[in-house]
N, C-alpha and C. Protein backbone atom coordinates (compact mmCIF):
# COMPACT_ATOMS: atom_id res chain seq x y z
N MET A 1 57.54 38.05 8.18
CA MET A 1 56.13 37.69 8.05
C MET A 1 55.30 38.52 9.01
N CYS A 2 54.20 38.97 8.52
CA CYS A 2 53.34 39.84 9.31
C CYS A 2 52.03 39.12 9.61
N ASN A 3 51.64 39.03 10.87
CA ASN A 3 50.36 38.46 11.24
C ASN A 3 49.36 39.58 11.41
N MET A 4 48.27 39.47 10.70
CA MET A 4 47.24 40.48 10.82
C MET A 4 45.95 39.83 11.28
N THR A 5 45.19 40.53 12.06
CA THR A 5 43.91 40.05 12.52
C THR A 5 42.82 40.74 11.73
N VAL A 6 41.98 39.95 11.11
CA VAL A 6 40.89 40.51 10.32
C VAL A 6 39.72 40.80 11.25
N GLU A 7 39.18 41.99 11.13
CA GLU A 7 38.01 42.36 11.89
C GLU A 7 36.93 42.82 10.93
N ASP A 8 35.69 42.60 11.29
CA ASP A 8 34.62 43.09 10.43
C ASP A 8 34.26 44.52 10.82
N SER A 9 33.24 45.06 10.21
CA SER A 9 32.87 46.45 10.44
C SER A 9 32.44 46.74 11.88
N SER A 10 32.04 45.72 12.62
CA SER A 10 31.62 45.94 14.00
C SER A 10 32.80 45.88 14.97
N GLY A 11 33.99 45.56 14.47
CA GLY A 11 35.16 45.49 15.32
C GLY A 11 35.39 44.12 15.94
N GLU A 12 34.54 43.15 15.64
CA GLU A 12 34.70 41.81 16.18
C GLU A 12 35.75 41.04 15.40
N LYS A 13 36.49 40.20 16.09
CA LYS A 13 37.42 39.29 15.43
C LYS A 13 36.61 38.13 14.86
N PRO A 14 37.14 37.42 13.86
CA PRO A 14 36.37 36.35 13.21
C PRO A 14 35.79 35.32 14.17
N GLN A 15 36.56 34.88 15.16
CA GLN A 15 36.06 33.86 16.10
C GLN A 15 34.92 34.42 16.94
N GLN A 16 35.08 35.65 17.42
CA GLN A 16 34.02 36.29 18.21
C GLN A 16 32.77 36.49 17.35
N ARG A 17 32.98 36.89 16.11
CA ARG A 17 31.88 37.13 15.19
C ARG A 17 31.09 35.83 14.96
N MET A 18 31.81 34.73 14.73
CA MET A 18 31.14 33.45 14.49
C MET A 18 30.38 33.01 15.73
N GLU A 19 30.96 33.16 16.90
CA GLU A 19 30.27 32.79 18.14
C GLU A 19 29.02 33.63 18.32
N SER A 20 29.11 34.90 17.98
CA SER A 20 27.96 35.79 18.08
C SER A 20 26.84 35.36 17.14
N VAL A 21 27.20 34.97 15.92
CA VAL A 21 26.21 34.52 14.94
C VAL A 21 25.58 33.20 15.38
N VAL A 22 26.39 32.29 15.91
CA VAL A 22 25.86 31.00 16.40
C VAL A 22 24.88 31.24 17.53
N GLU A 23 25.24 32.10 18.48
CA GLU A 23 24.32 32.42 19.59
C GLU A 23 23.03 33.03 19.06
N ALA A 24 23.15 33.93 18.10
CA ALA A 24 21.96 34.57 17.53
C ALA A 24 21.08 33.53 16.83
N LEU A 25 21.69 32.63 16.08
CA LEU A 25 20.93 31.60 15.39
C LEU A 25 20.20 30.70 16.38
N GLU A 26 20.87 30.30 17.44
CA GLU A 26 20.23 29.48 18.47
C GLU A 26 19.06 30.23 19.10
N GLU A 27 19.23 31.52 19.33
CA GLU A 27 18.17 32.33 19.91
C GLU A 27 16.97 32.42 18.95
N ILE A 28 17.25 32.62 17.67
CA ILE A 28 16.18 32.69 16.67
C ILE A 28 15.39 31.39 16.65
N LEU A 29 16.10 30.27 16.61
CA LEU A 29 15.43 28.97 16.55
C LEU A 29 14.59 28.70 17.80
N SER A 30 15.18 28.93 18.96
CA SER A 30 14.45 28.61 20.19
C SER A 30 13.29 29.56 20.46
N SER A 31 13.36 30.79 19.94
CA SER A 31 12.23 31.71 20.16
C SER A 31 11.18 31.62 19.05
N SER A 32 11.57 31.22 17.85
CA SER A 32 10.63 31.18 16.73
C SER A 32 9.76 29.94 16.72
N TRP A 33 10.31 28.82 17.16
CA TRP A 33 9.55 27.56 17.11
C TRP A 33 8.25 27.62 17.90
N PRO A 34 8.28 28.05 19.17
CA PRO A 34 7.01 28.06 19.92
C PRO A 34 6.00 29.08 19.38
N ARG A 35 6.46 30.02 18.59
CA ARG A 35 5.56 31.03 18.01
C ARG A 35 5.03 30.60 16.64
N GLY A 36 5.40 29.39 16.20
CA GLY A 36 4.90 28.88 14.93
C GLY A 36 5.55 29.50 13.71
N ARG A 37 6.77 30.03 13.87
CA ARG A 37 7.45 30.69 12.76
C ARG A 37 8.54 29.82 12.16
N ILE A 38 8.52 28.51 12.45
CA ILE A 38 9.52 27.58 11.92
C ILE A 38 8.81 26.53 11.08
N THR A 39 9.37 26.26 9.92
CA THR A 39 8.91 25.16 9.07
C THR A 39 10.08 24.22 8.89
N VAL A 40 9.89 22.94 9.18
CA VAL A 40 10.97 21.97 9.05
C VAL A 40 10.64 20.94 7.99
N GLY A 41 11.68 20.49 7.31
CA GLY A 41 11.53 19.46 6.30
C GLY A 41 11.67 20.02 4.90
N VAL A 42 12.33 19.26 4.05
CA VAL A 42 12.58 19.71 2.68
C VAL A 42 11.26 19.92 1.93
N TYR A 43 10.35 18.98 2.01
CA TYR A 43 9.10 19.09 1.27
C TYR A 43 8.19 20.17 1.85
N GLU A 44 8.14 20.26 3.17
CA GLU A 44 7.33 21.29 3.81
C GLU A 44 7.88 22.67 3.46
N ALA A 45 9.21 22.80 3.44
CA ALA A 45 9.83 24.07 3.08
C ALA A 45 9.52 24.45 1.64
N ALA A 46 9.62 23.48 0.74
CA ALA A 46 9.32 23.76 -0.67
C ALA A 46 7.88 24.24 -0.83
N LYS A 47 6.97 23.64 -0.08
CA LYS A 47 5.56 24.04 -0.14
C LYS A 47 5.39 25.48 0.34
N LEU A 48 6.01 25.82 1.47
CA LEU A 48 5.90 27.19 2.00
C LEU A 48 6.55 28.19 1.05
N LEU A 49 7.70 27.85 0.49
CA LEU A 49 8.37 28.76 -0.44
C LEU A 49 7.52 29.01 -1.67
N THR A 50 6.76 28.01 -2.09
CA THR A 50 5.87 28.18 -3.24
C THR A 50 4.69 29.07 -2.89
N GLU A 51 4.13 28.86 -1.69
CA GLU A 51 2.92 29.59 -1.29
C GLU A 51 3.20 31.01 -0.82
N ASP A 52 4.29 31.22 -0.05
CA ASP A 52 4.52 32.52 0.57
C ASP A 52 6.02 32.84 0.69
N PRO A 53 6.71 33.01 -0.43
CA PRO A 53 8.15 33.28 -0.34
C PRO A 53 8.47 34.60 0.37
N ASP A 54 7.58 35.57 0.29
CA ASP A 54 7.82 36.86 0.93
C ASP A 54 7.73 36.79 2.44
N GLY A 55 7.14 35.73 2.96
CA GLY A 55 7.00 35.58 4.41
C GLY A 55 8.19 34.88 5.06
N VAL A 56 9.17 34.46 4.27
CA VAL A 56 10.33 33.74 4.80
C VAL A 56 11.52 34.69 4.91
N VAL A 57 12.16 34.71 6.08
CA VAL A 57 13.30 35.61 6.28
C VAL A 57 14.63 34.88 6.38
N LEU A 58 14.60 33.56 6.58
CA LEU A 58 15.85 32.83 6.73
C LEU A 58 15.64 31.37 6.35
N CYS A 59 16.60 30.82 5.62
CA CYS A 59 16.57 29.41 5.23
C CYS A 59 17.84 28.75 5.76
N LEU A 60 17.67 27.68 6.51
CA LEU A 60 18.80 26.90 7.01
C LEU A 60 18.83 25.57 6.29
N LEU A 61 19.96 25.24 5.70
CA LEU A 61 20.15 23.95 5.06
C LEU A 61 21.16 23.20 5.92
N ALA A 62 20.71 22.14 6.54
CA ALA A 62 21.53 21.46 7.54
C ALA A 62 21.93 20.06 7.10
N ALA A 63 23.20 19.78 7.23
CA ALA A 63 23.73 18.45 6.96
C ALA A 63 25.10 18.36 7.60
N ASP A 64 25.43 17.19 8.07
CA ASP A 64 26.77 16.98 8.61
C ASP A 64 27.74 16.81 7.45
N ASP A 65 29.00 17.08 7.71
CA ASP A 65 30.02 17.06 6.66
C ASP A 65 30.12 15.71 5.96
N HIS A 66 29.88 14.63 6.68
CA HIS A 66 30.03 13.29 6.10
C HIS A 66 28.82 12.83 5.30
N GLU A 67 27.74 13.61 5.32
CA GLU A 67 26.52 13.22 4.62
C GLU A 67 26.71 13.36 3.11
N GLN A 68 26.47 12.28 2.37
CA GLN A 68 26.70 12.26 0.94
C GLN A 68 25.44 11.92 0.14
N ASP A 69 24.28 12.24 0.65
CA ASP A 69 23.01 11.93 0.00
C ASP A 69 22.83 12.83 -1.22
N VAL A 70 22.90 12.25 -2.41
CA VAL A 70 22.82 13.01 -3.66
C VAL A 70 21.45 13.69 -3.80
N ALA A 71 20.39 12.98 -3.46
CA ALA A 71 19.05 13.56 -3.57
C ALA A 71 18.93 14.79 -2.66
N LEU A 72 19.48 14.71 -1.46
CA LEU A 72 19.45 15.84 -0.54
C LEU A 72 20.23 17.03 -1.12
N GLN A 73 21.37 16.77 -1.72
CA GLN A 73 22.17 17.85 -2.31
C GLN A 73 21.43 18.50 -3.48
N ILE A 74 20.68 17.72 -4.24
CA ILE A 74 19.88 18.28 -5.34
C ILE A 74 18.78 19.18 -4.76
N HIS A 75 18.11 18.72 -3.71
CA HIS A 75 17.10 19.54 -3.06
C HIS A 75 17.72 20.84 -2.55
N PHE A 76 18.90 20.74 -1.92
CA PHE A 76 19.58 21.93 -1.41
C PHE A 76 19.86 22.91 -2.53
N THR A 77 20.34 22.41 -3.65
CA THR A 77 20.68 23.28 -4.79
C THR A 77 19.44 24.02 -5.28
N LEU A 78 18.34 23.31 -5.40
CA LEU A 78 17.10 23.94 -5.86
C LEU A 78 16.57 24.96 -4.86
N ILE A 79 16.61 24.62 -3.59
CA ILE A 79 16.13 25.54 -2.55
C ILE A 79 17.03 26.77 -2.50
N GLN A 80 18.34 26.58 -2.57
CA GLN A 80 19.27 27.71 -2.58
C GLN A 80 18.97 28.64 -3.74
N ALA A 81 18.77 28.09 -4.92
CA ALA A 81 18.49 28.93 -6.09
C ALA A 81 17.20 29.72 -5.89
N PHE A 82 16.18 29.07 -5.37
CA PHE A 82 14.92 29.76 -5.14
C PHE A 82 15.09 30.87 -4.12
N CYS A 83 15.80 30.58 -3.03
CA CYS A 83 16.01 31.59 -1.99
C CYS A 83 16.81 32.77 -2.53
N CYS A 84 17.83 32.51 -3.31
CA CYS A 84 18.61 33.60 -3.91
C CYS A 84 17.74 34.46 -4.80
N ASP A 85 16.91 33.84 -5.62
CA ASP A 85 16.01 34.58 -6.51
C ASP A 85 15.00 35.43 -5.75
N ASN A 86 14.67 35.01 -4.52
CA ASN A 86 13.66 35.71 -3.72
C ASN A 86 14.25 36.49 -2.56
N TYR A 87 15.56 36.69 -2.58
CA TYR A 87 16.26 37.51 -1.57
C TYR A 87 16.04 37.01 -0.15
N ILE A 88 16.07 35.70 0.01
CA ILE A 88 15.96 35.07 1.34
C ILE A 88 17.36 34.68 1.78
N ASN A 89 17.75 35.10 2.98
CA ASN A 89 19.07 34.74 3.50
C ASN A 89 19.16 33.24 3.72
N ILE A 90 20.32 32.69 3.41
CA ILE A 90 20.55 31.24 3.51
C ILE A 90 21.79 30.99 4.34
N LEU A 91 21.73 29.98 5.20
CA LEU A 91 22.89 29.50 5.95
C LEU A 91 22.97 27.99 5.81
N ARG A 92 24.17 27.47 5.60
CA ARG A 92 24.40 26.03 5.71
C ARG A 92 24.81 25.79 7.15
N VAL A 93 24.24 24.78 7.75
CA VAL A 93 24.51 24.48 9.16
C VAL A 93 24.99 23.05 9.28
N SER A 94 26.09 22.88 10.00
CA SER A 94 26.56 21.52 10.29
C SER A 94 26.35 21.25 11.77
N ASN A 95 26.40 19.99 12.13
CA ASN A 95 26.15 19.45 13.47
C ASN A 95 24.65 19.27 13.69
N MET A 96 24.13 18.30 12.99
CA MET A 96 22.71 17.98 13.08
C MET A 96 22.29 17.61 14.50
N ARG A 97 23.18 16.97 15.24
CA ARG A 97 22.85 16.57 16.61
C ARG A 97 22.55 17.80 17.47
N ARG A 98 23.35 18.84 17.34
CA ARG A 98 23.14 20.06 18.11
C ARG A 98 21.86 20.76 17.67
N LEU A 99 21.61 20.78 16.38
CA LEU A 99 20.39 21.38 15.86
C LEU A 99 19.17 20.67 16.43
N GLN A 100 19.25 19.35 16.49
CA GLN A 100 18.15 18.57 17.07
C GLN A 100 17.98 18.89 18.55
N GLU A 101 19.08 19.09 19.28
CA GLU A 101 18.99 19.45 20.70
C GLU A 101 18.29 20.79 20.88
N ILE A 102 18.61 21.76 20.04
CA ILE A 102 18.00 23.08 20.15
C ILE A 102 16.49 23.00 19.96
N LEU A 103 16.04 22.19 19.02
CA LEU A 103 14.63 22.14 18.68
C LEU A 103 13.87 20.96 19.29
N SER A 104 14.55 20.10 20.02
CA SER A 104 13.95 18.84 20.47
C SER A 104 12.73 19.01 21.37
N GLY A 105 12.66 20.03 22.13
CA GLY A 105 11.53 20.19 23.04
C GLY A 105 10.26 20.69 22.39
N TRP A 106 10.30 20.99 21.10
CA TRP A 106 9.18 21.67 20.49
C TRP A 106 8.32 20.82 19.57
N TRP A 107 8.80 19.69 19.07
CA TRP A 107 7.93 18.93 18.18
C TRP A 107 7.35 17.74 18.90
N SER A 108 6.22 17.30 18.42
CA SER A 108 5.55 16.16 19.04
C SER A 108 5.58 14.99 18.07
N GLY A 109 5.33 13.84 18.57
CA GLY A 109 5.34 12.64 17.73
C GLY A 109 6.54 11.79 18.05
N ASP A 110 6.48 10.56 17.56
CA ASP A 110 7.54 9.60 17.85
C ASP A 110 8.76 9.78 16.96
N GLU A 111 8.53 10.14 15.70
CA GLU A 111 9.65 10.25 14.77
C GLU A 111 10.24 11.65 14.83
N PRO A 112 11.56 11.75 14.78
CA PRO A 112 12.17 13.08 14.76
C PRO A 112 11.86 13.79 13.45
N ALA A 113 11.83 15.09 13.52
CA ALA A 113 11.53 15.90 12.33
C ALA A 113 12.71 15.86 11.36
N ASP A 114 12.43 16.11 10.09
CA ASP A 114 13.46 16.24 9.07
C ASP A 114 14.05 17.65 9.19
N LEU A 115 15.21 17.75 9.80
CA LEU A 115 15.82 19.05 10.06
C LEU A 115 16.79 19.49 8.97
N HIS A 116 16.77 18.83 7.82
CA HIS A 116 17.69 19.19 6.75
C HIS A 116 17.39 20.57 6.17
N CYS A 117 16.14 20.97 6.20
CA CYS A 117 15.78 22.30 5.72
C CYS A 117 14.85 22.93 6.75
N ILE A 118 15.21 24.13 7.19
CA ILE A 118 14.42 24.85 8.18
C ILE A 118 14.20 26.26 7.66
N LEU A 119 12.96 26.68 7.62
CA LEU A 119 12.63 28.05 7.23
C LEU A 119 12.14 28.81 8.45
N VAL A 120 12.57 30.04 8.56
CA VAL A 120 12.09 30.93 9.61
C VAL A 120 11.23 31.98 8.93
N SER A 121 9.99 32.06 9.37
CA SER A 121 9.05 33.03 8.80
C SER A 121 9.23 34.38 9.47
N ALA A 122 8.77 35.41 8.78
CA ALA A 122 8.90 36.78 9.27
C ALA A 122 8.16 36.95 10.59
N PRO A 123 8.78 37.68 11.51
CA PRO A 123 8.11 37.95 12.78
C PRO A 123 7.05 39.03 12.59
N PRO A 124 6.16 39.17 13.57
CA PRO A 124 5.21 40.28 13.50
C PRO A 124 5.99 41.60 13.40
N SER A 125 5.37 42.60 12.84
CA SER A 125 6.07 43.86 12.58
C SER A 125 6.73 44.45 13.83
N SER A 126 6.19 44.20 15.00
CA SER A 126 6.78 44.75 16.23
C SER A 126 8.11 44.09 16.57
N LEU A 127 8.37 42.89 16.00
CA LEU A 127 9.61 42.18 16.31
C LEU A 127 10.64 42.27 15.20
N TRP A 128 10.39 43.07 14.17
CA TRP A 128 11.34 43.16 13.06
C TRP A 128 12.70 43.65 13.52
N LYS A 129 12.75 44.32 14.64
CA LYS A 129 14.02 44.82 15.14
C LYS A 129 14.68 43.82 16.09
N ASP A 130 14.33 42.57 15.96
CA ASP A 130 14.92 41.50 16.76
C ASP A 130 16.43 41.51 16.57
N PRO A 131 17.20 41.74 17.64
CA PRO A 131 18.66 41.84 17.50
C PRO A 131 19.31 40.55 16.99
N ALA A 132 18.78 39.40 17.36
CA ALA A 132 19.36 38.13 16.90
C ALA A 132 19.16 37.99 15.39
N LEU A 133 17.98 38.28 14.91
CA LEU A 133 17.71 38.20 13.47
C LEU A 133 18.55 39.24 12.72
N SER A 134 18.71 40.40 13.29
CA SER A 134 19.55 41.44 12.67
C SER A 134 21.00 40.99 12.55
N ARG A 135 21.52 40.32 13.60
CA ARG A 135 22.91 39.83 13.56
C ARG A 135 23.10 38.78 12.47
N VAL A 136 22.17 37.85 12.38
CA VAL A 136 22.27 36.80 11.35
C VAL A 136 22.12 37.41 9.96
N ASN A 137 21.18 38.32 9.80
CA ASN A 137 21.00 38.98 8.50
C ASN A 137 22.26 39.75 8.10
N ARG A 138 22.86 40.45 9.04
CA ARG A 138 24.09 41.20 8.75
C ARG A 138 25.21 40.24 8.34
N PHE A 139 25.32 39.11 9.05
CA PHE A 139 26.33 38.11 8.72
C PHE A 139 26.14 37.59 7.29
N CYS A 140 24.90 37.30 6.93
CA CYS A 140 24.61 36.81 5.57
C CYS A 140 24.94 37.88 4.53
N ARG A 141 24.58 39.11 4.81
CA ARG A 141 24.85 40.21 3.89
C ARG A 141 26.36 40.41 3.71
N GLU A 142 27.10 40.39 4.81
CA GLU A 142 28.56 40.56 4.74
C GLU A 142 29.21 39.38 4.02
N SER A 143 28.68 38.18 4.22
CA SER A 143 29.22 37.01 3.52
C SER A 143 29.01 37.13 2.03
N ARG A 144 27.82 37.57 1.64
CA ARG A 144 27.55 37.76 0.21
C ARG A 144 28.47 38.81 -0.40
N SER A 145 28.76 39.87 0.36
CA SER A 145 29.62 40.92 -0.18
C SER A 145 31.06 40.44 -0.37
N SER A 146 31.42 39.35 0.30
CA SER A 146 32.75 38.77 0.09
C SER A 146 32.66 37.48 -0.74
N ASP A 147 31.60 37.40 -1.56
CA ASP A 147 31.40 36.30 -2.50
C ASP A 147 31.21 34.93 -1.86
N GLN A 148 30.73 34.91 -0.65
CA GLN A 148 30.34 33.64 -0.02
C GLN A 148 28.81 33.67 0.08
N TRP A 149 28.15 33.18 -0.97
CA TRP A 149 26.71 33.31 -1.08
C TRP A 149 25.94 32.48 -0.06
N VAL A 150 26.50 31.36 0.32
CA VAL A 150 25.84 30.52 1.32
C VAL A 150 26.87 30.21 2.42
N PRO A 151 26.93 31.07 3.43
CA PRO A 151 27.90 30.84 4.49
C PRO A 151 27.59 29.58 5.29
N VAL A 152 28.62 28.99 5.84
CA VAL A 152 28.49 27.75 6.61
C VAL A 152 28.76 28.06 8.08
N ILE A 153 27.89 27.54 8.92
CA ILE A 153 28.04 27.71 10.36
C ILE A 153 28.08 26.33 11.00
N HIS A 154 29.05 26.13 11.86
CA HIS A 154 29.13 24.88 12.61
C HIS A 154 28.60 25.15 14.01
N LEU A 155 27.55 24.46 14.39
CA LEU A 155 27.01 24.59 15.74
C LEU A 155 27.88 23.76 16.68
N PRO A 156 28.49 24.39 17.66
CA PRO A 156 29.35 23.65 18.58
C PRO A 156 28.52 22.79 19.54
N ASP A 157 29.09 21.68 19.96
CA ASP A 157 28.43 20.83 20.95
C ASP A 157 28.36 21.58 22.27
N ARG A 158 27.33 21.30 23.03
CA ARG A 158 27.19 21.93 24.36
C ARG A 158 27.20 20.88 25.41
């Protein structure tokens, strides 16, 4: 039996690659929210996708593995289809608690935001070369090329 280690085009091993993508995603979320480039909530996301699909660069669909809400899954399916048709990168994210920790300092109000769908809008042209966004985009592109159209990322607890 032969054990082989799979590496991607950058030379990273799968575990290192995933950690790199998770770090990049956390960086994107924590830097985009205060700049007003984050839209949270299934209905808010649908509204933005209808009004300005070209302004969205990333769609996160978040749910924990045990979540079995049929209505939410239908919304996810429709949003995924729309994003695919409009060439918007999509990631499924698990660990809602960690996602809430990353974004918790940025929203106001008593009720927590609906974090099941998060859209990241395009940065100003000077920030298009954002290394974190480039890493996540590359990960999505590489996943699609291996027939994984909606890659799943698990945010580790901190």
